[in-house]
Amino acid sequence: MNANALYKRSSSVSSTKYILNCSEKITENNPTTKDWLNNLKFLKTISRTKSEQMTHKKILEGVLMKKHDVVIKISDTEENLKYEYDIYQKLVEYKVKGILHYICYFECMDNIKNINEKRDGICEGTGNNTRILVMEYIKNKSFGLYAWENSNQIKSCLKQLLCTCLDAFLKCGFIHGDLNCNNILIKNTKSTTVTYIINGKVIIIPLYGFKIKLMDFESSKTGGTIKQFYKDFRYKFASSFTEYIGGEVEFINNQAVKKLYDLFVKYYEECIHNKDSLWVFDLFPIIDKL
């Protein structure tokens, strides 16, 4: 896949497939994005105060090609967005489900301190080298912050997450590296089920209105070990899930939450001696009790 190409696969952008080379849109005659990536605003899911305090990176909303709502992640030195986009491309290559659609990556000259919602676009032609990642816009809040209506929705999203991470690990050794509830977005869907095929095993998960979209791959890697796989769940996700779901959702079964936490600890400790990563399917009966 071309690192600069825009491949439409997401209904949040369009149902029509097309290709756009973002880098080639920056030319001597048109040095900024104001004609094709503009209408910048602070992202609604991030507090305005937090957005204004960001110095070496910014996350904004924008409009692509005058009609598609997108999220724009911008960085100068703090984050290697090209690396994050490369990890995304690897997941797409292996046809991993449940990941956020990254539309394109490009670089240009600008001063990140001056990029805000008062600007018509990005890439003013002066300042430091600026890295830009354009992503699918999801209007809902994250898995951790969403106002859940019933436990079936949570059970479904948790099972999707386990299958997405396991599928990616078995295909390319993918380790997220920062697997917390706020790096999992929730997208509305009219589909009733999603099917995973992992090591020849067919897993059909009811959706209850939502699909997960895993994002933020700047701490991710491929070629990881089973110990690193379970470490991500043990030290990142288990505590995050306990805090956001176990601590905030009134109707959740906290005994089941604790059992899941204990199993993540156990799997991490025992995986050093046992390479069976398919342990995660043993969690499904516990998830059903949430």
C-alpha atoms as a PDB file:
ATOM      1  CA  MET A   1       0.000   0.000   0.000  1.00  0.00           C
ATOM      2  CA  ASN A   2       1.290   3.482  -0.868  1.00  0.00           C
ATOM      3  CA  ALA A   3       2.187   5.329   2.332  1.00  0.00           C
ATOM      4  CA  ASN A   4       0.625   8.549   1.067  1.00  0.00           C
ATOM      5  CA  ALA A   5      -2.486   7.168  -0.569  1.00  0.00           C
ATOM      6  CA  LEU A   6      -6.028   7.696   0.617  1.00  0.00           C
ATOM      7  CA  TYR A   7      -7.971   4.450   0.373  1.00  0.00           C
ATOM      8  CA  LYS A   8     -11.674   4.813   1.126  1.00  0.00           C
ATOM      9  CA  ARG A   9     -12.926   1.879   3.093  1.00  0.00           C
ATOM     10  CA  SER A  10     -15.004   3.633   5.723  1.00  0.00           C
ATOM     11  CA  SER A  11     -18.609   4.816   5.501  1.00  0.00           C
ATOM     12  CA  SER A  12     -17.641   7.790   7.687  1.00  0.00           C
ATOM     13  CA  VAL A  13     -15.776   9.186   4.675  1.00  0.00           C
ATOM     14  CA  SER A  14     -17.771   7.849   1.731  1.00  0.00           C
ATOM     15  CA  SER A  15     -19.201   4.675   0.313  1.00  0.00           C
ATOM     16  CA  THR A  16     -17.301   5.375  -2.932  1.00  0.00           C
ATOM     17  CA  LYS A  17     -13.705   4.157  -3.196  1.00  0.00           C
ATOM     18  CA  TYR A  18     -11.120   6.649  -4.403  1.00  0.00           C
ATOM     19  CA  ILE A  19      -7.405   7.322  -4.050  1.00  0.00           C
ATOM     20  CA  LEU A  20      -5.818  10.607  -3.035  1.00  0.00           C
ATOM     21  CA  ASN A  21      -2.094  11.175  -2.630  1.00  0.00           C
ATOM     22  CA  CYS A  22      -1.975  13.710   0.201  1.00  0.00           C
ATOM     23  CA  SER A  23       1.660  14.680  -0.369  1.00  0.00           C
ATOM     24  CA  GLU A  24       1.018  15.530  -4.003  1.00  0.00           C
ATOM     25  CA  LYS A  25      -1.709  17.960  -2.939  1.00  0.00           C
ATOM     26  CA  ILE A  26       1.009  20.190  -1.440  1.00  0.00           C
ATOM     27  CA  THR A  27       2.527  22.045  -4.408  1.00  0.00           C
ATOM     28  CA  GLU A  28       4.362  25.296  -5.080  1.00  0.00           C
ATOM     29  CA  ASN A  29       1.178  26.862  -6.425  1.00  0.00           C
ATOM     30  CA  ASN A  30      -0.975  25.417  -3.615  1.00  0.00           C
ATOM     31  CA  PRO A  31       1.354  25.121  -0.598  1.00  0.00           C
ATOM     32  CA  THR A  32      -1.380  24.759   2.042  1.00  0.00           C
ATOM     33  CA  THR A  33      -4.294  22.414   2.662  1.00  0.00           C
ATOM     34  CA  LYS A  34      -6.880  25.205   2.802  1.00  0.00           C
ATOM     35  CA  ASP A  35      -8.582  24.038  -0.416  1.00  0.00           C
ATOM     36  CA  TRP A  36      -8.902  20.353   0.524  1.00  0.00           C
ATOM     37  CA  LEU A  37      -8.279  19.892   4.271  1.00  0.00           C
ATOM     38  CA  ASN A  38      -9.680  22.766   6.271  1.00  0.00           C
ATOM     39  CA  ASN A  39     -12.399  23.973   8.650  1.00  0.00           C
ATOM     40  CA  LEU A  40     -10.185  23.156  11.634  1.00  0.00           C
ATOM     41  CA  LYS A  41     -11.784  22.808  15.070  1.00  0.00           C
ATOM     42  CA  PHE A  42     -10.764  21.458  18.442  1.00  0.00           C
ATOM     43  CA  LEU A  43     -11.838  17.826  18.743  1.00  0.00           C
ATOM     44  CA  LYS A  44     -15.109  17.623  20.682  1.00  0.00           C
ATOM     45  CA  THR A  45     -14.061  14.478  22.575  1.00  0.00           C
ATOM     46  CA  ILE A  46     -11.027  16.272  24.056  1.00  0.00           C
ATOM     47  CA  SER A  47     -11.523  19.150  26.485  1.00  0.00           C
ATOM     48  CA  ARG A  48     -10.743  22.560  25.001  1.00  0.00           C
ATOM     49  CA  THR A  49      -8.342  23.313  27.862  1.00  0.00           C
ATOM     50  CA  LYS A  50      -6.361  20.144  27.195  1.00  0.00           C
ATOM     51  CA  SER A  51      -6.311  20.874  23.453  1.00  0.00           C
ATOM     52  CA  GLU A  52      -4.992  24.389  23.987  1.00  0.00           C
ATOM     53  CA  GLN A  53      -2.258  23.109  26.325  1.00  0.00           C
ATOM     54  CA  MET A  54      -0.781  20.748  23.710  1.00  0.00           C
ATOM     55  CA  THR A  55       2.535  22.124  22.461  1.00  0.00           C
ATOM     56  CA  HIS A  56       4.329  19.555  20.292  1.00  0.00           C
ATOM     57  CA  LYS A  57       1.187  17.834  19.041  1.00  0.00           C
ATOM     58  CA  LYS A  58      -2.428  18.698  18.306  1.00  0.00           C
ATOM     59  CA  ILE A  59      -5.557  16.694  17.574  1.00  0.00           C
ATOM     60  CA  LEU A  60      -8.187  18.565  15.595  1.00  0.00           C
ATOM     61  CA  GLU A  61     -11.351  17.981  13.611  1.00  0.00           C
ATOM     62  CA  GLY A  62     -11.452  19.025   9.985  1.00  0.00           C
ATOM     63  CA  VAL A  63     -13.170  18.598   6.656  1.00  0.00           C
ATOM     64  CA  LEU A  64     -11.526  16.615   3.852  1.00  0.00           C
ATOM     65  CA  MET A  65     -12.315  17.441   0.210  1.00  0.00           C
ATOM     66  CA  LYS A  66     -15.055  19.803   1.407  1.00  0.00           C
ATOM     67  CA  LYS A  67     -17.410  17.013   2.533  1.00  0.00           C
ATOM     68  CA  HIS A  68     -15.807  14.379   4.789  1.00  0.00           C
ATOM     69  CA  ASP A  69     -15.449  14.876   8.552  1.00  0.00           C
ATOM     70  CA  VAL A  70     -12.026  13.669   9.700  1.00  0.00           C
ATOM     71  CA  VAL A  71      -9.686  13.755  12.680  1.00  0.00           C
ATOM     72  CA  ILE A  72      -6.276  15.324  12.108  1.00  0.00           C
ATOM     73  CA  LYS A  73      -3.359  14.391  14.348  1.00  0.00           C
ATOM     74  CA  ILE A  74      -0.436  16.811  14.012  1.00  0.00           C
ATOM     75  CA  SER A  75       3.043  16.522  15.534  1.00  0.00           C
ATOM     76  CA  ASP A  76       6.472  18.087  15.145  1.00  0.00           C
ATOM     77  CA  THR A  77       8.840  16.061  17.328  1.00  0.00           C
ATOM     78  CA  GLU A  78       6.798  14.473  20.129  1.00  0.00           C
ATOM     79  CA  GLU A  79       5.263  11.590  18.160  1.00  0.00           C
ATOM     80  CA  ASN A  80       6.441   9.683  15.095  1.00  0.00           C
ATOM     81  CA  LEU A  81       3.204   9.649  13.151  1.00  0.00           C
ATOM     82  CA  LYS A  82       4.864   7.989  10.144  1.00  0.00           C
ATOM     83  CA  TYR A  83       5.687   5.013  12.381  1.00  0.00           C
ATOM     84  CA  GLU A  84       2.070   4.883  13.591  1.00  0.00           C
ATOM     85  CA  TYR A  85       0.838   4.932  10.002  1.00  0.00           C
ATOM     86  CA  ASP A  86       3.264   2.151   9.055  1.00  0.00           C
ATOM     87  CA  ILE A  87       1.877  -0.038  11.857  1.00  0.00           C
ATOM     88  CA  TYR A  88      -1.632   0.670  10.595  1.00  0.00           C
ATOM     89  CA  GLN A  89      -0.606  -0.370   7.085  1.00  0.00           C
ATOM     90  CA  LYS A  90       0.739  -3.658   8.432  1.00  0.00           C
ATOM     91  CA  LEU A  91      -2.602  -4.401  10.128  1.00  0.00           C
ATOM     92  CA  VAL A  92      -4.457  -3.592   6.915  1.00  0.00           C
ATOM     93  CA  GLU A  93      -2.097  -5.847   4.972  1.00  0.00           C
ATOM     94  CA  TYR A  94      -3.075  -8.733   7.254  1.00  0.00           C
ATOM     95  CA  LYS A  95      -6.774  -7.819   7.047  1.00  0.00           C
ATOM     96  CA  VAL A  96      -7.180  -7.299  10.781  1.00  0.00           C
ATOM     97  CA  LYS A  97     -10.688  -6.220  11.744  1.00  0.00           C
ATOM     98  CA  GLY A  98     -11.659  -3.647  14.333  1.00  0.00           C
ATOM     99  CA  ILE A  99      -9.053  -0.941  13.670  1.00  0.00           C
ATOM    100  CA  LEU A 100      -9.622   2.746  13.018  1.00  0.00           C
ATOM    101  CA  HIS A 101      -9.319   3.761   9.357  1.00  0.00           C
ATOM    102  CA  TYR A 102      -6.224   5.928   8.829  1.00  0.00           C
ATOM    103  CA  ILE A 103      -6.835   7.894   5.646  1.00  0.00           C
ATOM    104  CA  CYS A 104      -3.385   9.287   4.833  1.00  0.00           C
ATOM    105  CA  TYR A 105      -0.077  10.552   6.182  1.00  0.00           C
ATOM    106  CA  PHE A 106       2.011  13.434   4.862  1.00  0.00           C
ATOM    107  CA  GLU A 107       4.577  16.036   5.925  1.00  0.00           C
ATOM    108  CA  CYS A 108       4.920  19.749   5.243  1.00  0.00           C
ATOM    109  CA  MET A 109       6.412  22.935   6.675  1.00  0.00           C
ATOM    110  CA  ASP A 110       4.456  24.755   9.369  1.00  0.00           C
ATOM    111  CA  ASN A 111       4.725  25.998  12.938  1.00  0.00           C
ATOM    112  CA  ILE A 112       2.581  23.713  15.072  1.00  0.00           C
ATOM    113  CA  LYS A 113       2.038  26.434  17.694  1.00  0.00           C
ATOM    114  CA  ASN A 114       0.088  28.460  15.136  1.00  0.00           C
ATOM    115  CA  ILE A 115      -2.188  25.651  13.973  1.00  0.00           C
ATOM    116  CA  ASN A 116      -5.624  26.159  15.514  1.00  0.00           C
ATOM    117  CA  GLU A 117      -9.294  26.489  14.667  1.00  0.00           C
ATOM    118  CA  LYS A 118      -8.792  30.083  13.458  1.00  0.00           C
ATOM    119  CA  ARG A 119      -6.704  28.855  10.548  1.00  0.00           C
ATOM    120  CA  ASP A 120      -8.104  27.952   7.125  1.00  0.00           C
ATOM    121  CA  GLY A 121      -5.706  25.056   6.728  1.00  0.00           C
ATOM    122  CA  ILE A 122      -2.310  23.536   7.497  1.00  0.00           C
ATOM    123  CA  CYS A 123       1.120  23.847   5.818  1.00  0.00           C
ATOM    124  CA  GLU A 124       1.826  27.588   5.705  1.00  0.00           C
ATOM    125  CA  GLY A 125       5.295  26.956   4.308  1.00  0.00           C
ATOM    126  CA  THR A 126       7.313  28.284   7.253  1.00  0.00           C
ATOM    127  CA  GLY A 127       8.430  26.721  10.527  1.00  0.00           C
ATOM    128  CA  ASN A 128       9.536  23.187  11.365  1.00  0.00           C
ATOM    129  CA  ASN A 129       8.754  19.979   9.551  1.00  0.00           C
ATOM    130  CA  THR A 130       5.210  19.014  10.558  1.00  0.00           C
ATOM    131  CA  ARG A 131       3.811  15.480  10.464  1.00  0.00           C
ATOM    132  CA  ILE A 132       0.132  15.033   9.733  1.00  0.00           C
ATOM    133  CA  LEU A 133      -2.072  11.949  10.055  1.00  0.00           C
ATOM    134  CA  VAL A 134      -5.658  12.084   8.769  1.00  0.00           C
ATOM    135  CA  MET A 135      -8.062   9.595  10.302  1.00  0.00           C
ATOM    136  CA  GLU A 136     -11.651   8.435  10.256  1.00  0.00           C
ATOM    137  CA  TYR A 137     -13.955  10.532  12.463  1.00  0.00           C
ATOM    138  CA  ILE A 138     -16.007   8.625  15.043  1.00  0.00           C
ATOM    139  CA  LYS A 139     -18.629  10.746  16.775  1.00  0.00           C
ATOM    140  CA  ASN A 140     -18.992   8.484  19.826  1.00  0.00           C
ATOM    141  CA  LYS A 141     -16.760   8.612  22.869  1.00  0.00           C
ATOM    142  CA  SER A 142     -14.284   5.873  23.723  1.00  0.00           C
ATOM    143  CA  PHE A 143     -15.021   2.466  25.220  1.00  0.00           C
ATOM    144  CA  GLY A 144     -14.107   3.840  28.642  1.00  0.00           C
ATOM    145  CA  LEU A 145     -16.157   7.045  28.477  1.00  0.00           C
ATOM    146  CA  TYR A 146     -19.238   5.961  26.554  1.00  0.00           C
ATOM    147  CA  ALA A 147     -22.586   6.113  28.409  1.00  0.00           C
ATOM    148  CA  TRP A 148     -23.432   2.416  28.195  1.00  0.00           C
ATOM    149  CA  GLU A 149     -27.082   1.380  28.154  1.00  0.00           C
ATOM    150  CA  ASN A 150     -26.753  -2.332  28.912  1.00  0.00           C
ATOM    151  CA  SER A 151     -24.170  -5.008  29.609  1.00  0.00           C
ATOM    152  CA  ASN A 152     -24.618  -6.762  26.252  1.00  0.00           C
ATOM    153  CA  GLN A 153     -23.009  -3.796  24.508  1.00  0.00           C
ATOM    154  CA  ILE A 154     -19.978  -3.979  26.806  1.00  0.00           C
ATOM    155  CA  LYS A 155     -19.693  -7.763  26.466  1.00  0.00           C
ATOM    156  CA  SER A 156     -19.749  -7.514  22.685  1.00  0.00           C
ATOM    157  CA  CYS A 157     -17.103  -4.786  22.497  1.00  0.00           C
ATOM    158  CA  LEU A 158     -14.831  -6.615  24.930  1.00  0.00           C
ATOM    159  CA  LYS A 159     -15.054  -9.835  22.905  1.00  0.00           C
ATOM    160  CA  GLN A 160     -14.345  -7.885  19.718  1.00  0.00           C
ATOM    161  CA  LEU A 161     -11.260  -6.356  21.328  1.00  0.00           C
ATOM    162  CA  LEU A 162      -9.902  -9.742  22.413  1.00  0.00           C
ATOM    163  CA  CYS A 163     -10.438 -11.192  18.946  1.00  0.00           C
ATOM    164  CA  THR A 164      -8.926  -8.187  17.170  1.00  0.00           C
ATOM    165  CA  CYS A 165      -5.809  -8.211  19.340  1.00  0.00           C
ATOM    166  CA  LEU A 166      -5.364 -11.987  19.190  1.00  0.00           C
ATOM    167  CA  ASP A 167      -5.910 -12.105  15.432  1.00  0.00           C
ATOM    168  CA  ALA A 168      -3.350  -9.329  14.900  1.00  0.00           C
ATOM    169  CA  PHE A 169      -0.856 -11.002  17.228  1.00  0.00           C
ATOM    170  CA  LEU A 170      -1.116 -14.391  15.542  1.00  0.00           C
ATOM    171  CA  LYS A 171      -0.780 -12.843  12.072  1.00  0.00           C
ATOM    172  CA  CYS A 172       2.122 -10.436  12.628  1.00  0.00           C
ATOM    173  CA  GLY A 173       3.056 -10.428  16.322  1.00  0.00           C
ATOM    174  CA  PHE A 174       1.145  -7.175  16.918  1.00  0.00           C
ATOM    175  CA  ILE A 175       1.437  -5.638  20.390  1.00  0.00           C
ATOM    176  CA  HIS A 176      -0.546  -2.445  20.957  1.00  0.00           C
ATOM    177  CA  GLY A 177       1.660  -1.141  23.744  1.00  0.00           C
ATOM    178  CA  ASP A 178      -0.908   1.202  25.283  1.00  0.00           C
ATOM    179  CA  LEU A 179      -4.044  -0.912  25.421  1.00  0.00           C
ATOM    180  CA  ASN A 180      -6.408   1.161  27.531  1.00  0.00           C
ATOM    181  CA  CYS A 181     -10.136   1.844  27.283  1.00  0.00           C
ATOM    182  CA  ASN A 182      -9.655   5.282  25.736  1.00  0.00           C
ATOM    183  CA  ASN A 183      -7.700   3.900  22.771  1.00  0.00           C
ATOM    184  CA  ILE A 184     -10.765   1.913  21.729  1.00  0.00           C
ATOM    185  CA  LEU A 185     -13.443   3.898  19.913  1.00  0.00           C
ATOM    186  CA  ILE A 186     -17.062   2.776  19.564  1.00  0.00           C
ATOM    187  CA  LYS A 187     -18.734   3.092  16.170  1.00  0.00           C
ATOM    188  CA  ASN A 188     -22.458   2.701  15.517  1.00  0.00           C
ATOM    189  CA  THR A 189     -23.377  -0.114  13.139  1.00  0.00           C
ATOM    190  CA  LYS A 190     -26.529  -1.654  11.695  1.00  0.00           C
ATOM    191  CA  SER A 191     -24.798  -5.021  11.310  1.00  0.00           C
ATOM    192  CA  THR A 192     -25.974  -7.660  13.754  1.00  0.00           C
ATOM    193  CA  THR A 193     -22.812  -9.778  14.002  1.00  0.00           C
ATOM    194  CA  VAL A 194     -19.114  -9.777  13.190  1.00  0.00           C
ATOM    195  CA  THR A 195     -17.206 -12.960  12.344  1.00  0.00           C
ATOM    196  CA  TYR A 196     -13.570 -13.665  13.167  1.00  0.00           C
ATOM    197  CA  ILE A 197     -11.637 -16.703  11.948  1.00  0.00           C
ATOM    198  CA  ILE A 198      -8.662 -17.281  14.237  1.00  0.00           C
ATOM    199  CA  ASN A 199      -6.469 -20.350  13.817  1.00  0.00           C
ATOM    200  CA  GLY A 200      -9.321 -22.039  11.954  1.00  0.00           C
ATOM    201  CA  LYS A 201     -11.790 -21.292  14.762  1.00  0.00           C
ATOM    202  CA  VAL A 202     -14.924 -19.358  13.717  1.00  0.00           C
ATOM    203  CA  ILE A 203     -16.088 -16.806  16.291  1.00  0.00           C
ATOM    204  CA  ILE A 204     -19.385 -15.007  15.679  1.00  0.00           C
ATOM    205  CA  ILE A 205     -19.991 -12.047  17.991  1.00  0.00           C
ATOM    206  CA  PRO A 206     -23.385 -10.263  18.281  1.00  0.00           C
ATOM    207  CA  LEU A 207     -22.843  -6.506  17.951  1.00  0.00           C
ATOM    208  CA  TYR A 208     -25.772  -4.831  19.760  1.00  0.00           C
ATOM    209  CA  GLY A 209     -25.295  -1.668  17.720  1.00  0.00           C
ATOM    210  CA  PHE A 210     -21.541  -1.110  18.078  1.00  0.00           C
ATOM    211  CA  LYS A 211     -18.239  -2.093  16.504  1.00  0.00           C
ATOM    212  CA  ILE A 212     -14.895  -1.337  18.114  1.00  0.00           C
ATOM    213  CA  LYS A 213     -12.191   0.720  16.405  1.00  0.00           C
ATOM    214  CA  LEU A 214      -8.739   0.245  17.923  1.00  0.00           C
ATOM    215  CA  MET A 215      -6.455   3.261  17.471  1.00  0.00           C
ATOM    216  CA  ASP A 216      -3.237   5.023  18.578  1.00  0.00           C
ATOM    217  CA  PHE A 217      -0.405   2.826  17.351  1.00  0.00           C
ATOM    218  CA  GLU A 218       2.564   5.053  18.224  1.00  0.00           C
ATOM    219  CA  SER A 219       3.561   2.638  21.027  1.00  0.00           C
ATOM    220  CA  SER A 220       2.741  -0.472  19.001  1.00  0.00           C
ATOM    221  CA  LYS A 221       5.044  -3.024  17.403  1.00  0.00           C
ATOM    222  CA  THR A 222       4.977  -6.159  15.294  1.00  0.00           C
ATOM    223  CA  GLY A 223       7.039  -9.286  15.868  1.00  0.00           C
ATOM    224  CA  GLY A 224       6.184  -9.325  19.576  1.00  0.00           C
ATOM    225  CA  THR A 225       6.184 -12.273  21.972  1.00  0.00           C
ATOM    226  CA  ILE A 226       3.329 -13.967  23.803  1.00  0.00           C
ATOM    227  CA  LYS A 227       4.646 -12.515  27.044  1.00  0.00           C
ATOM    228  CA  GLN A 228       4.394  -9.012  25.610  1.00  0.00           C
ATOM    229  CA  PHE A 229       0.880  -9.785  24.367  1.00  0.00           C
ATOM    230  CA  TYR A 230      -0.371 -10.689  27.838  1.00  0.00           C
ATOM    231  CA  LYS A 231       1.671  -7.933  29.462  1.00  0.00           C
ATOM    232  CA  ASP A 232      -0.353  -5.397  27.476  1.00  0.00           C
ATOM    233  CA  PHE A 233      -3.585  -6.806  28.898  1.00  0.00           C
ATOM    234  CA  ARG A 234      -2.139  -7.319  32.377  1.00  0.00           C
ATOM    235  CA  TYR A 235      -0.594  -3.886  32.955  1.00  0.00           C
ATOM    236  CA  LYS A 236      -2.599  -1.679  30.596  1.00  0.00           C
ATOM    237  CA  PHE A 237      -6.057  -2.972  29.795  1.00  0.00           C
ATOM    238  CA  ALA A 238      -6.963  -4.837  33.013  1.00  0.00           C
ATOM    239  CA  SER A 239      -6.529  -1.791  35.246  1.00  0.00           C
ATOM    240  CA  SER A 240      -8.171   0.526  32.712  1.00  0.00           C
ATOM    241  CA  PHE A 241     -11.206  -1.743  32.319  1.00  0.00           C
ATOM    242  CA  THR A 242     -11.509  -2.063  36.111  1.00  0.00           C
ATOM    243  CA  GLU A 243     -11.384   1.721  36.501  1.00  0.00           C
ATOM    244  CA  TYR A 244     -13.709   2.818  33.699  1.00  0.00           C
ATOM    245  CA  ILE A 245     -16.163  -0.078  33.481  1.00  0.00           C
ATOM    246  CA  GLY A 246     -15.951  -1.670  36.919  1.00  0.00           C
ATOM    247  CA  GLY A 247     -15.803   1.677  38.694  1.00  0.00           C
ATOM    248  CA  GLU A 248     -18.267   3.749  36.652  1.00  0.00           C
ATOM    249  CA  VAL A 249     -20.967   1.481  35.169  1.00  0.00           C
ATOM    250  CA  GLU A 250     -23.643   0.901  37.792  1.00  0.00           C
ATOM    251  CA  PHE A 251     -25.230  -2.226  36.311  1.00  0.00           C
ATOM    252  CA  ILE A 252     -21.966  -4.120  35.737  1.00  0.00           C
ATOM    253  CA  ASN A 253     -21.179  -7.297  37.706  1.00  0.00           C
ATOM    254  CA  ASN A 254     -18.064  -6.286  39.606  1.00  0.00           C
ATOM    255  CA  GLN A 255     -17.335  -9.854  40.692  1.00  0.00           C
ATOM    256  CA  ALA A 256     -16.954 -10.753  37.011  1.00  0.00           C
ATOM    257  CA  VAL A 257     -14.775  -7.664  36.495  1.00  0.00           C
ATOM    258  CA  LYS A 258     -12.484  -8.796  39.316  1.00  0.00           C
ATOM    259  CA  LYS A 259     -12.370 -12.326  37.906  1.00  0.00           C
ATOM    260  CA  LEU A 260     -11.290 -10.960  34.514  1.00  0.00           C
ATOM    261  CA  TYR A 261      -8.588  -8.869  36.165  1.00  0.00           C
ATOM    262  CA  ASP A 262      -7.292 -11.892  38.088  1.00  0.00           C
ATOM    263  CA  LEU A 263      -7.216 -13.992  34.921  1.00  0.00           C
ATOM    264  CA  PHE A 264      -5.217 -11.361  33.036  1.00  0.00           C
ATOM    265  CA  VAL A 265      -2.691 -11.437  35.888  1.00  0.00           C
ATOM    266  CA  LYS A 266      -2.621 -15.225  35.844  1.00  0.00           C
ATOM    267  CA  TYR A 267      -2.202 -15.483  32.080  1.00  0.00           C
ATOM    268  CA  TYR A 268       0.704 -13.053  32.120  1.00  0.00           C
ATOM    269  CA  GLU A 269       2.463 -14.937  34.910  1.00  0.00           C
ATOM    270  CA  GLU A 270       1.908 -18.362  33.339  1.00  0.00           C
ATOM    271  CA  CYS A 271       2.576 -17.503  29.683  1.00  0.00           C
ATOM    272  CA  ILE A 272       6.331 -17.616  30.372  1.00  0.00           C
ATOM    273  CA  HIS A 273       5.997 -21.402  30.697  1.00  0.00           C
ATOM    274  CA  ASN A 274       3.039 -21.998  28.377  1.00  0.00           C
ATOM    275  CA  LYS A 275       2.836 -20.594  24.833  1.00  0.00           C
ATOM    276  CA  ASP A 276      -0.914 -21.149  24.370  1.00  0.00           C
ATOM    277  CA  SER A 277      -2.119 -17.662  23.449  1.00  0.00           C
ATOM    278  CA  LEU A 278      -5.641 -18.970  22.789  1.00  0.00           C
ATOM    279  CA  TRP A 279      -6.279 -18.720  26.520  1.00  0.00           C
ATOM    280  CA  VAL A 280      -8.209 -15.548  25.732  1.00  0.00           C
ATOM    281  CA  PHE A 281     -11.213 -17.621  24.637  1.00  0.00           C
ATOM    282  CA  ASP A 282     -11.450 -18.923  28.213  1.00  0.00           C
ATOM    283  CA  LEU A 283     -12.459 -15.364  29.133  1.00  0.00           C
ATOM    284  CA  PHE A 284     -15.682 -15.454  27.118  1.00  0.00           C
ATOM    285  CA  PRO A 285     -17.767 -17.300  29.777  1.00  0.00           C
ATOM    286  CA  ILE A 286     -16.581 -14.753  32.379  1.00  0.00           C
ATOM    287  CA  ILE A 287     -17.427 -11.867  30.048  1.00  0.00           C
ATOM    288  CA  ASP A 288     -20.936 -13.297  29.649  1.00  0.00           C
ATOM    289  CA  LYS A 289     -21.448 -12.796  33.394  1.00  0.00           C
ATOM    290  CA  LEU A 290     -20.686  -9.058  33.337  1.00  0.00           C
END
